[in-house]
Amino acid sequence: MRVFFTILLACCTLFVQAQPQKLLVLGDSLSAGYGMTQQQGWVHLLQQQQNHWQLINASISGETTAGGLARLPELLKTHQPDAVLIELGGNDGLRGFPVAQLEKNLSAIIRLVQQQQAKAILMQIRIPPNYGPRYNKLFVDLYPALAEKHQVHYWPFFMDQIATDPSLMLSDGIHPNEKAQPIIRDFILPLLLKL
């Protein structure tokens, strides 16, 4: 009987270990696949490329850090992720919201994720220089500072190389097109596997 329970326990342990971890992507239009179907977006393509992580795309076009913060408690409760990729702030920056407000919202998002014993991953966000060099520097510098302050994973912006190539962008000059999605997938994949 003891041998039976030992084998049963070993099988259960293997089953638990085989289950992919959950990564919740909390983002805006850059992760929501703006202008294309969900199947064409980088999150879906990344899911097809690996099976270590189950990706849950909770990204919404036009989302701000305040919107993401408001939705996060229910998302955490529903999906119980092991990690959350925070890809937010672009819409705050495009609207010229105060950087102090951005910092407050992102900090609150990170704390909520950590309270759920999940890993928080903060992605660097960059914006066009519409509001001048001072605002732009404050905005960009906030992300690594927050990652260090809260001791969370910090990922570089996946749009850095894409945004400078018109062939990879939609006509609005802000959103990546379908051709860019596999490039984003290949950029994120080693970061995800390292996680």
N, C-alpha and C. Protein backbone atom coordinates (compact mmCIF):
# COMPACT_ATOMS: atom_id res chain seq x y z
N MET A 1 0.83 -1.21 0.00
CA MET A 1 0.00 0.00 0.00
C MET A 1 0.86 1.26 0.00
N ARG A 2 1.95 1.22 0.80
CA ARG A 2 2.84 2.39 0.86
C ARG A 2 3.46 2.65 -0.52
N VAL A 3 3.83 1.56 -1.22
CA VAL A 3 4.43 1.70 -2.56
C VAL A 3 3.43 2.36 -3.51
N PHE A 4 2.17 1.97 -3.41
CA PHE A 4 1.12 2.54 -4.27
C PHE A 4 1.02 4.05 -4.08
N PHE A 5 0.99 4.47 -2.82
CA PHE A 5 0.86 5.91 -2.53
C PHE A 5 2.12 6.68 -2.98
N THR A 6 3.27 6.03 -2.86
CA THR A 6 4.52 6.67 -3.32
C THR A 6 4.47 6.91 -4.82
N ILE A 7 4.01 5.90 -5.55
CA ILE A 7 3.89 6.02 -7.01
C ILE A 7 2.85 7.07 -7.37
N LEU A 8 1.74 7.07 -6.66
CA LEU A 8 0.67 8.04 -6.92
C LEU A 8 1.18 9.47 -6.68
N LEU A 9 1.92 9.65 -5.58
CA LEU A 9 2.47 10.96 -5.26
C LEU A 9 3.45 11.42 -6.33
N ALA A 10 4.28 10.49 -6.81
CA ALA A 10 5.26 10.82 -7.85
C ALA A 10 4.55 11.23 -9.14
N CYS A 11 3.50 10.53 -9.49
CA CYS A 11 2.73 10.85 -10.70
C CYS A 11 2.07 12.22 -10.59
N CYS A 12 1.50 12.50 -9.43
CA CYS A 12 0.86 13.80 -9.20
C CYS A 12 1.88 14.93 -9.29
N THR A 13 3.07 14.70 -8.74
CA THR A 13 4.14 15.70 -8.78
C THR A 13 4.55 15.98 -10.21
N LEU A 14 4.70 14.93 -11.01
CA LEU A 14 5.07 15.09 -12.42
C LEU A 14 3.97 15.85 -13.17
N PHE A 15 2.72 15.55 -12.86
CA PHE A 15 1.60 16.21 -13.53
C PHE A 15 1.60 17.71 -13.23
N VAL A 16 1.82 18.05 -11.95
CA VAL A 16 1.85 19.45 -11.55
C VAL A 16 3.00 20.18 -12.24
N GLN A 17 4.18 19.52 -12.29
CA GLN A 17 5.34 20.13 -12.90
C GLN A 17 5.14 20.33 -14.40
N ALA A 18 4.34 19.48 -15.03
CA ALA A 18 4.13 19.55 -16.47
C ALA A 18 3.18 20.67 -16.87
N GLN A 19 2.41 21.18 -15.93
CA GLN A 19 1.46 22.24 -16.24
C GLN A 19 2.21 23.54 -16.57
N PRO A 20 1.85 24.18 -17.70
CA PRO A 20 2.53 25.44 -18.02
C PRO A 20 2.14 26.54 -17.03
N GLN A 21 3.07 27.42 -16.78
CA GLN A 21 2.77 28.57 -15.93
C GLN A 21 1.96 29.59 -16.74
N LYS A 22 1.23 30.44 -16.02
CA LYS A 22 0.39 31.43 -16.69
C LYS A 22 1.05 32.80 -16.69
N LEU A 23 1.10 33.41 -17.87
CA LEU A 23 1.58 34.78 -18.00
C LEU A 23 0.43 35.65 -18.49
N LEU A 24 0.05 36.61 -17.67
CA LEU A 24 -0.99 37.57 -18.04
C LEU A 24 -0.33 38.78 -18.70
N VAL A 25 -0.74 39.11 -19.91
CA VAL A 25 -0.21 40.27 -20.61
C VAL A 25 -1.19 41.43 -20.41
N LEU A 26 -0.78 42.39 -19.62
CA LEU A 26 -1.60 43.56 -19.32
C LEU A 26 -1.04 44.72 -20.14
N GLY A 27 -1.64 44.94 -21.31
CA GLY A 27 -1.08 45.92 -22.22
C GLY A 27 -2.12 46.76 -22.93
N ASP A 28 -1.62 47.51 -23.90
CA ASP A 28 -2.48 48.38 -24.71
C ASP A 28 -2.53 47.85 -26.15
N SER A 29 -2.73 48.74 -27.11
CA SER A 29 -2.90 48.33 -28.50
C SER A 29 -1.67 47.62 -29.08
N LEU A 30 -0.49 47.89 -28.55
CA LEU A 30 0.72 47.25 -29.05
C LEU A 30 0.71 45.75 -28.80
N SER A 31 0.02 45.33 -27.74
CA SER A 31 -0.10 43.91 -27.43
C SER A 31 -1.46 43.34 -27.80
N ALA A 32 -2.43 44.22 -28.00
CA ALA A 32 -3.78 43.76 -28.35
C ALA A 32 -3.91 43.39 -29.82
N GLY A 33 -2.88 43.73 -30.63
CA GLY A 33 -2.94 43.41 -32.05
C GLY A 33 -3.81 44.40 -32.81
N TYR A 34 -3.60 45.67 -32.57
CA TYR A 34 -4.40 46.73 -33.20
C TYR A 34 -4.37 46.60 -34.72
N GLY A 35 -5.56 46.61 -35.32
CA GLY A 35 -5.67 46.56 -36.78
C GLY A 35 -5.57 45.17 -37.37
N MET A 36 -5.58 44.14 -36.51
CA MET A 36 -5.48 42.76 -37.02
C MET A 36 -6.25 41.82 -36.08
N THR A 37 -6.34 40.58 -36.46
CA THR A 37 -7.02 39.60 -35.62
C THR A 37 -6.10 39.17 -34.48
N GLN A 38 -6.69 38.60 -33.44
CA GLN A 38 -5.90 38.10 -32.30
C GLN A 38 -4.87 37.07 -32.76
N GLN A 39 -5.24 36.24 -33.75
CA GLN A 39 -4.36 35.18 -34.23
C GLN A 39 -3.12 35.73 -34.95
N GLN A 40 -3.21 36.97 -35.42
CA GLN A 40 -2.07 37.57 -36.12
C GLN A 40 -1.11 38.29 -35.16
N GLY A 41 -1.58 38.56 -33.94
CA GLY A 41 -0.79 39.32 -32.98
C GLY A 41 0.35 38.52 -32.38
N TRP A 42 1.34 39.24 -31.83
CA TRP A 42 2.54 38.59 -31.31
C TRP A 42 2.26 37.69 -30.12
N VAL A 43 1.25 38.02 -29.32
CA VAL A 43 0.96 37.18 -28.13
C VAL A 43 0.53 35.78 -28.57
N HIS A 44 -0.36 35.74 -29.56
CA HIS A 44 -0.82 34.44 -30.08
C HIS A 44 0.33 33.69 -30.74
N LEU A 45 1.14 34.40 -31.53
CA LEU A 45 2.28 33.77 -32.21
C LEU A 45 3.28 33.22 -31.20
N LEU A 46 3.47 33.93 -30.10
CA LEU A 46 4.39 33.48 -29.06
C LEU A 46 3.86 32.23 -28.38
N GLN A 47 2.56 32.15 -28.20
CA GLN A 47 1.96 30.96 -27.59
C GLN A 47 2.22 29.73 -28.45
N GLN A 48 2.16 29.90 -29.78
CA GLN A 48 2.38 28.78 -30.69
C GLN A 48 3.84 28.32 -30.70
N GLN A 49 4.75 29.19 -30.28
CA GLN A 49 6.18 28.93 -30.35
C GLN A 49 6.72 28.16 -29.15
N GLN A 50 5.99 28.17 -28.03
CA GLN A 50 6.48 27.51 -26.81
C GLN A 50 5.31 26.99 -26.00
N ASN A 51 5.61 26.05 -25.09
CA ASN A 51 4.55 25.48 -24.25
C ASN A 51 4.88 25.57 -22.76
N HIS A 52 5.91 26.34 -22.41
CA HIS A 52 6.27 26.50 -21.00
C HIS A 52 5.31 27.45 -20.29
N TRP A 53 4.74 28.38 -21.07
CA TRP A 53 3.85 29.39 -20.51
C TRP A 53 2.52 29.40 -21.25
N GLN A 54 1.45 29.50 -20.48
CA GLN A 54 0.13 29.75 -21.06
C GLN A 54 -0.08 31.26 -21.04
N LEU A 55 -0.23 31.86 -22.22
CA LEU A 55 -0.35 33.31 -22.31
C LEU A 55 -1.82 33.73 -22.31
N ILE A 56 -2.13 34.68 -21.46
CA ILE A 56 -3.48 35.24 -21.35
C ILE A 56 -3.39 36.71 -21.75
N ASN A 57 -3.94 37.04 -22.90
CA ASN A 57 -3.82 38.41 -23.40
C ASN A 57 -4.99 39.26 -22.89
N ALA A 58 -4.71 40.11 -21.91
CA ALA A 58 -5.73 41.00 -21.35
C ALA A 58 -5.50 42.44 -21.81
N SER A 59 -4.87 42.58 -22.97
CA SER A 59 -4.56 43.91 -23.51
C SER A 59 -5.76 44.51 -24.22
N ILE A 60 -5.89 45.83 -24.11
CA ILE A 60 -7.00 46.56 -24.73
C ILE A 60 -6.44 47.80 -25.41
N SER A 61 -6.83 48.01 -26.65
CA SER A 61 -6.39 49.21 -27.37
C SER A 61 -6.87 50.46 -26.63
N GLY A 62 -5.99 51.43 -26.50
CA GLY A 62 -6.32 52.68 -25.82
C GLY A 62 -6.17 52.63 -24.31
N GLU A 63 -5.75 51.48 -23.78
CA GLU A 63 -5.66 51.33 -22.32
C GLU A 63 -4.60 52.25 -21.72
N THR A 64 -4.93 52.82 -20.58
CA THR A 64 -3.99 53.63 -19.80
C THR A 64 -3.57 52.85 -18.56
N THR A 65 -2.62 53.38 -17.82
CA THR A 65 -2.22 52.72 -16.57
C THR A 65 -3.37 52.72 -15.57
N ALA A 66 -4.19 53.78 -15.57
CA ALA A 66 -5.35 53.84 -14.66
C ALA A 66 -6.36 52.75 -15.03
N GLY A 67 -6.59 52.57 -16.32
CA GLY A 67 -7.52 51.53 -16.78
C GLY A 67 -7.01 50.14 -16.44
N GLY A 68 -5.72 49.91 -16.65
CA GLY A 68 -5.13 48.61 -16.31
C GLY A 68 -5.20 48.33 -14.83
N LEU A 69 -4.96 49.36 -14.03
CA LEU A 69 -5.05 49.22 -12.57
C LEU A 69 -6.47 48.88 -12.13
N ALA A 70 -7.45 49.49 -12.75
CA ALA A 70 -8.85 49.24 -12.40
C ALA A 70 -9.27 47.81 -12.75
N ARG A 71 -8.75 47.29 -13.85
CA ARG A 71 -9.14 45.94 -14.30
C ARG A 71 -8.35 44.83 -13.63
N LEU A 72 -7.18 45.15 -13.10
CA LEU A 72 -6.26 44.12 -12.64
C LEU A 72 -6.79 43.22 -11.52
N PRO A 73 -7.44 43.74 -10.47
CA PRO A 73 -7.89 42.83 -9.41
C PRO A 73 -8.77 41.69 -9.92
N GLU A 74 -9.69 41.98 -10.81
CA GLU A 74 -10.57 40.94 -11.35
C GLU A 74 -9.78 39.97 -12.23
N LEU A 75 -8.83 40.49 -13.00
CA LEU A 75 -8.01 39.63 -13.85
C LEU A 75 -7.17 38.67 -13.00
N LEU A 76 -6.60 39.18 -11.93
CA LEU A 76 -5.80 38.33 -11.04
C LEU A 76 -6.66 37.25 -10.39
N LYS A 77 -7.85 37.64 -9.99
CA LYS A 77 -8.77 36.70 -9.35
C LYS A 77 -9.22 35.61 -10.33
N THR A 78 -9.52 36.02 -11.55
CA THR A 78 -10.02 35.08 -12.56
C THR A 78 -8.94 34.13 -13.06
N HIS A 79 -7.77 34.66 -13.38
CA HIS A 79 -6.74 33.86 -14.06
C HIS A 79 -5.65 33.32 -13.13
N GLN A 80 -5.47 33.95 -11.96
CA GLN A 80 -4.43 33.53 -11.02
C GLN A 80 -3.10 33.26 -11.72
N PRO A 81 -2.55 34.29 -12.38
CA PRO A 81 -1.31 34.09 -13.13
C PRO A 81 -0.08 33.92 -12.25
N ASP A 82 0.94 33.29 -12.83
CA ASP A 82 2.22 33.16 -12.15
C ASP A 82 3.09 34.39 -12.39
N ALA A 83 2.80 35.11 -13.47
CA ALA A 83 3.54 36.31 -13.81
C ALA A 83 2.64 37.26 -14.60
N VAL A 84 2.94 38.55 -14.52
CA VAL A 84 2.18 39.56 -15.25
C VAL A 84 3.15 40.47 -15.98
N LEU A 85 3.00 40.54 -17.31
CA LEU A 85 3.80 41.47 -18.11
C LEU A 85 3.03 42.78 -18.20
N ILE A 86 3.62 43.85 -17.69
CA ILE A 86 2.97 45.17 -17.66
C ILE A 86 3.51 45.98 -18.83
N GLU A 87 2.70 46.09 -19.87
CA GLU A 87 3.07 46.84 -21.08
C GLU A 87 2.10 48.01 -21.18
N LEU A 88 2.26 48.97 -20.30
CA LEU A 88 1.33 50.10 -20.23
C LEU A 88 2.09 51.41 -20.03
N GLY A 89 1.43 52.49 -20.41
CA GLY A 89 2.00 53.82 -20.22
C GLY A 89 2.05 54.63 -21.50
N GLY A 90 2.03 53.95 -22.65
CA GLY A 90 2.09 54.66 -23.92
C GLY A 90 0.96 55.65 -24.12
N ASN A 91 -0.24 55.25 -23.77
CA ASN A 91 -1.39 56.14 -23.94
C ASN A 91 -1.37 57.28 -22.92
N ASP A 92 -0.84 57.01 -21.74
CA ASP A 92 -0.65 58.09 -20.75
C ASP A 92 0.28 59.15 -21.33
N GLY A 93 1.39 58.67 -21.92
CA GLY A 93 2.38 59.58 -22.47
C GLY A 93 1.87 60.36 -23.67
N LEU A 94 1.12 59.68 -24.54
CA LEU A 94 0.58 60.35 -25.73
C LEU A 94 -0.43 61.43 -25.35
N ARG A 95 -1.05 61.27 -24.20
CA ARG A 95 -2.02 62.27 -23.72
C ARG A 95 -1.39 63.29 -22.78
N GLY A 96 -0.09 63.14 -22.55
CA GLY A 96 0.61 64.12 -21.71
C GLY A 96 0.24 64.07 -20.24
N PHE A 97 -0.19 62.89 -19.76
CA PHE A 97 -0.52 62.76 -18.34
C PHE A 97 0.74 62.98 -17.50
N PRO A 98 0.60 63.53 -16.30
CA PRO A 98 1.77 63.75 -15.45
C PRO A 98 2.53 62.45 -15.17
N VAL A 99 3.84 62.52 -15.20
CA VAL A 99 4.67 61.34 -14.95
C VAL A 99 4.46 60.84 -13.52
N ALA A 100 4.17 61.75 -12.59
CA ALA A 100 3.90 61.34 -11.21
C ALA A 100 2.66 60.44 -11.13
N GLN A 101 1.67 60.72 -11.96
CA GLN A 101 0.46 59.88 -12.01
C GLN A 101 0.78 58.52 -12.59
N LEU A 102 1.61 58.52 -13.63
CA LEU A 102 2.05 57.27 -14.24
C LEU A 102 2.80 56.41 -13.22
N GLU A 103 3.69 57.04 -12.47
CA GLU A 103 4.46 56.34 -11.44
C GLU A 103 3.55 55.74 -10.37
N LYS A 104 2.57 56.51 -9.94
CA LYS A 104 1.63 56.05 -8.91
C LYS A 104 0.85 54.83 -9.39
N ASN A 105 0.35 54.89 -10.63
CA ASN A 105 -0.45 53.78 -11.17
C ASN A 105 0.39 52.53 -11.39
N LEU A 106 1.57 52.69 -11.98
CA LEU A 106 2.43 51.53 -12.23
C LEU A 106 2.88 50.89 -10.92
N SER A 107 3.18 51.70 -9.93
CA SER A 107 3.58 51.17 -8.61
C SER A 107 2.44 50.37 -7.99
N ALA A 108 1.21 50.89 -8.13
CA ALA A 108 0.05 50.18 -7.57
C ALA A 108 -0.19 48.86 -8.31
N ILE A 109 0.02 48.85 -9.63
CA ILE A 109 -0.12 47.62 -10.41
C ILE A 109 0.91 46.59 -9.95
N ILE A 110 2.15 47.02 -9.80
CA ILE A 110 3.22 46.11 -9.37
C ILE A 110 2.91 45.54 -7.98
N ARG A 111 2.45 46.39 -7.07
CA ARG A 111 2.14 45.91 -5.71
C ARG A 111 1.02 44.88 -5.72
N LEU A 112 -0.01 45.11 -6.54
CA LEU A 112 -1.12 44.15 -6.64
C LEU A 112 -0.62 42.80 -7.14
N VAL A 113 0.24 42.83 -8.15
CA VAL A 113 0.79 41.58 -8.69
C VAL A 113 1.61 40.86 -7.61
N GLN A 114 2.44 41.60 -6.91
CA GLN A 114 3.29 41.00 -5.87
C GLN A 114 2.47 40.45 -4.70
N GLN A 115 1.37 41.13 -4.39
CA GLN A 115 0.50 40.64 -3.31
C GLN A 115 -0.12 39.29 -3.65
N GLN A 116 -0.24 39.00 -4.95
CA GLN A 116 -0.78 37.72 -5.39
C GLN A 116 0.32 36.66 -5.54
N GLN A 117 1.53 36.99 -5.06
CA GLN A 117 2.67 36.07 -5.14
C GLN A 117 3.04 35.75 -6.59
N ALA A 118 2.76 36.67 -7.50
CA ALA A 118 3.11 36.51 -8.91
C ALA A 118 4.31 37.39 -9.23
N LYS A 119 5.02 37.04 -10.30
CA LYS A 119 6.16 37.84 -10.75
C LYS A 119 5.64 39.01 -11.59
N ALA A 120 6.13 40.19 -11.29
CA ALA A 120 5.81 41.37 -12.10
C ALA A 120 6.95 41.62 -13.08
N ILE A 121 6.59 41.85 -14.34
CA ILE A 121 7.56 42.18 -15.38
C ILE A 121 7.17 43.53 -15.94
N LEU A 122 8.04 44.50 -15.82
CA LEU A 122 7.76 45.84 -16.31
C LEU A 122 8.50 46.05 -17.62
N MET A 123 7.75 46.36 -18.66
CA MET A 123 8.37 46.63 -19.96
C MET A 123 8.60 48.12 -20.14
N GLN A 124 9.79 48.46 -20.61
CA GLN A 124 10.10 49.85 -20.96
C GLN A 124 9.13 50.32 -22.05
N ILE A 125 8.65 51.52 -21.92
CA ILE A 125 7.80 52.13 -22.95
C ILE A 125 8.44 53.43 -23.40
N ARG A 126 8.38 53.67 -24.69
CA ARG A 126 8.86 54.95 -25.23
C ARG A 126 7.72 55.62 -25.99
N ILE A 127 7.78 56.93 -26.09
CA ILE A 127 6.73 57.70 -26.77
C ILE A 127 7.38 58.70 -27.73
N PRO A 128 6.62 59.18 -28.73
CA PRO A 128 7.14 60.23 -29.60
C PRO A 128 7.43 61.49 -28.78
N PRO A 129 8.37 62.32 -29.24
CA PRO A 129 8.80 63.48 -28.44
C PRO A 129 7.85 64.68 -28.52
N ASN A 130 6.54 64.41 -28.53
CA ASN A 130 5.54 65.48 -28.69
C ASN A 130 5.60 66.53 -27.59
N TYR A 131 5.90 66.11 -26.37
CA TYR A 131 5.83 67.03 -25.22
C TYR A 131 7.19 67.55 -24.79
N GLY A 132 8.17 67.43 -25.68
CA GLY A 132 9.47 68.01 -25.40
C GLY A 132 10.43 67.06 -24.73
N PRO A 133 11.73 67.39 -24.76
CA PRO A 133 12.76 66.48 -24.23
C PRO A 133 12.67 66.25 -22.72
N ARG A 134 12.24 67.24 -21.96
CA ARG A 134 12.19 67.08 -20.51
C ARG A 134 11.15 66.02 -20.12
N TYR A 135 9.93 66.17 -20.66
CA TYR A 135 8.87 65.20 -20.37
C TYR A 135 9.29 63.81 -20.84
N ASN A 136 9.86 63.75 -22.04
CA ASN A 136 10.25 62.47 -22.61
C ASN A 136 11.29 61.76 -21.74
N LYS A 137 12.25 62.50 -21.24
CA LYS A 137 13.29 61.90 -20.38
C LYS A 137 12.70 61.42 -19.06
N LEU A 138 11.84 62.24 -18.46
CA LEU A 138 11.19 61.83 -17.21
C LEU A 138 10.39 60.54 -17.42
N PHE A 139 9.70 60.48 -18.54
CA PHE A 139 8.86 59.33 -18.87
C PHE A 139 9.71 58.07 -19.03
N VAL A 140 10.71 58.17 -19.89
CA VAL A 140 11.55 56.99 -20.20
C VAL A 140 12.33 56.52 -18.97
N ASP A 141 12.87 57.46 -18.20
CA ASP A 141 13.68 57.11 -17.04
C ASP A 141 12.87 56.47 -15.91
N LEU A 142 11.56 56.68 -15.94
CA LEU A 142 10.71 56.16 -14.86
C LEU A 142 10.74 54.64 -14.80
N TYR A 143 10.75 53.97 -15.96
CA TYR A 143 10.59 52.51 -15.99
C TYR A 143 11.75 51.75 -15.32
N PRO A 144 12.99 52.00 -15.70
CA PRO A 144 14.06 51.28 -14.98
C PRO A 144 14.13 51.65 -13.50
N ALA A 145 13.77 52.89 -13.18
CA ALA A 145 13.78 53.31 -11.77
C ALA A 145 12.73 52.55 -10.97
N LEU A 146 11.54 52.38 -11.55
CA LEU A 146 10.47 51.63 -10.87
C LEU A 146 10.84 50.15 -10.73
N ALA A 147 11.44 49.59 -11.78
CA ALA A 147 11.84 48.18 -11.73
C ALA A 147 12.85 47.94 -10.61
N GLU A 148 13.78 48.89 -10.46
CA GLU A 148 14.78 48.76 -9.39
C GLU A 148 14.16 48.97 -8.02
N LYS A 149 13.28 49.95 -7.94
CA LYS A 149 12.64 50.26 -6.65
C LYS A 149 11.83 49.08 -6.13
N HIS A 150 11.08 48.44 -7.02
CA HIS A 150 10.19 47.35 -6.61
C HIS A 150 10.84 45.97 -6.79
N GLN A 151 12.08 45.96 -7.30
CA GLN A 151 12.80 44.69 -7.50
C GLN A 151 12.00 43.72 -8.38
N VAL A 152 11.62 44.22 -9.57
CA VAL A 152 10.86 43.38 -10.50
C VAL A 152 11.66 43.21 -11.79
N HIS A 153 11.24 42.25 -12.60
CA HIS A 153 11.88 42.02 -13.89
C HIS A 153 11.65 43.23 -14.80
N TYR A 154 12.68 43.58 -15.55
CA TYR A 154 12.63 44.75 -16.44
C TYR A 154 12.98 44.29 -17.85
N TRP A 155 12.05 44.46 -18.78
CA TRP A 155 12.29 44.06 -20.17
C TRP A 155 12.40 45.28 -21.06
N PRO A 156 13.31 45.26 -22.04
CA PRO A 156 13.41 46.38 -22.98
C PRO A 156 12.18 46.47 -23.88
N PHE A 157 11.99 47.62 -24.47
CA PHE A 157 10.82 47.89 -25.32
C PHE A 157 10.94 47.12 -26.64
N PHE A 158 9.92 46.35 -26.98
CA PHE A 158 9.99 45.55 -28.21
C PHE A 158 9.81 46.38 -29.48
N MET A 159 9.47 47.67 -29.34
CA MET A 159 9.24 48.50 -30.51
C MET A 159 10.47 49.31 -30.93
N ASP A 160 11.56 49.25 -30.19
CA ASP A 160 12.71 50.11 -30.46
C ASP A 160 13.22 49.99 -31.90
N GLN A 161 13.39 48.77 -32.38
CA GLN A 161 13.89 48.57 -33.75
C GLN A 161 12.77 48.66 -34.79
N ILE A 162 11.58 48.31 -34.39
CA ILE A 162 10.45 48.28 -35.33
C ILE A 162 9.96 49.68 -35.69
N ALA A 163 9.89 50.55 -34.69
CA ALA A 163 9.32 51.89 -34.89
C ALA A 163 10.08 52.72 -35.91
N THR A 164 11.36 52.40 -36.12
CA THR A 164 12.17 53.18 -37.06
C THR A 164 12.12 52.63 -38.49
N ASP A 165 11.38 51.55 -38.69
CA ASP A 165 11.26 50.93 -40.00
C ASP A 165 9.82 51.07 -40.50
N PRO A 166 9.57 52.00 -41.45
CA PRO A 166 8.20 52.24 -41.94
C PRO A 166 7.52 50.99 -42.51
N SER A 167 8.31 50.05 -43.01
CA SER A 167 7.72 48.84 -43.61
C SER A 167 7.10 47.93 -42.55
N LEU A 168 7.42 48.18 -41.28
CA LEU A 168 6.89 47.36 -40.18
C LEU A 168 5.79 48.06 -39.40
N MET A 169 5.43 49.26 -39.87
CA MET A 169 4.45 50.07 -39.14
C MET A 169 3.18 50.30 -39.97
N LEU A 170 2.05 50.46 -39.26
CA LEU A 170 0.83 50.88 -39.92
C LEU A 170 0.98 52.33 -40.37
N SER A 171 0.06 52.79 -41.19
CA SER A 171 0.16 54.14 -41.74
C SER A 171 0.09 55.23 -40.67
N ASP A 172 -0.42 54.90 -39.47
CA ASP A 172 -0.49 55.91 -38.40
C ASP A 172 0.88 56.20 -37.78
N GLY A 173 1.87 55.36 -38.09
CA GLY A 173 3.22 55.58 -37.57
C GLY A 173 3.38 55.24 -36.10
N ILE A 174 2.36 54.67 -35.48
CA ILE A 174 2.39 54.34 -34.05
C ILE A 174 2.35 52.83 -33.80
N HIS A 175 1.54 52.13 -34.60
CA HIS A 175 1.30 50.71 -34.34
C HIS A 175 2.07 49.81 -35.30
N PRO A 176 2.58 48.69 -34.78
CA PRO A 176 3.26 47.72 -35.65
C PRO A 176 2.25 46.99 -36.53
N ASN A 177 2.65 46.66 -37.75
CA ASN A 177 1.74 45.94 -38.65
C ASN A 177 1.91 44.43 -38.49
N GLU A 178 1.21 43.69 -39.33
CA GLU A 178 1.23 42.23 -39.23
C GLU A 178 2.63 41.67 -39.47
N LYS A 179 3.38 42.31 -40.37
CA LYS A 179 4.74 41.87 -40.68
C LYS A 179 5.66 41.98 -39.46
N ALA A 180 5.36 42.90 -38.56
CA ALA A 180 6.20 43.11 -37.37
C ALA A 180 5.93 42.10 -36.27
N GLN A 181 4.78 41.45 -36.30
CA GLN A 181 4.40 40.59 -35.17
C GLN A 181 5.36 39.42 -34.93
N PRO A 182 5.81 38.71 -35.98
CA PRO A 182 6.79 37.64 -35.71
C PRO A 182 8.11 38.17 -35.15
N ILE A 183 8.47 39.40 -35.52
CA ILE A 183 9.70 40.01 -35.01
C ILE A 183 9.56 40.27 -33.51
N ILE A 184 8.39 40.77 -33.11
CA ILE A 184 8.12 40.99 -31.68
C ILE A 184 8.14 39.66 -30.93
N ARG A 185 7.50 38.66 -31.52
CA ARG A 185 7.49 37.31 -30.90
C ARG A 185 8.92 36.83 -30.67
N ASP A 186 9.78 36.96 -31.68
CA ASP A 186 11.16 36.47 -31.56
C ASP A 186 11.97 37.31 -30.56
N PHE A 187 11.57 38.55 -30.35
CA PHE A 187 12.23 39.41 -29.37
C PHE A 187 11.85 38.99 -27.96
N ILE A 188 10.57 38.66 -27.76
CA ILE A 188 10.06 38.31 -26.42
C ILE A 188 10.43 36.88 -26.03
N LEU A 189 10.50 35.97 -26.98
CA LEU A 189 10.67 34.54 -26.68
C LEU A 189 11.86 34.24 -25.76
N PRO A 190 13.09 34.70 -26.06
CA PRO A 190 14.19 34.39 -25.13
C PRO A 190 14.02 35.02 -23.75
N LEU A 191 13.38 36.19 -23.68
CA LEU A 191 13.12 36.81 -22.38
C LEU A 191 12.16 35.95 -21.56
N LEU A 192 11.15 35.42 -22.26
CA LEU A 192 10.15 34.58 -21.59
C LEU A 192 10.77 33.27 -21.11
N LEU A 193 11.57 32.65 -21.96
CA LEU A 193 12.18 31.37 -21.58
C LEU A 193 13.17 31.55 -20.44
N LYS A 194 13.86 32.69 -20.43
CA LYS A 194 14.80 32.99 -19.34
C LYS A 194 14.06 33.20 -18.02
N LEU A 195 12.84 33.74 -18.11
CA LEU A 195 12.02 33.99 -16.91
C LEU A 195 11.72 32.69 -16.19
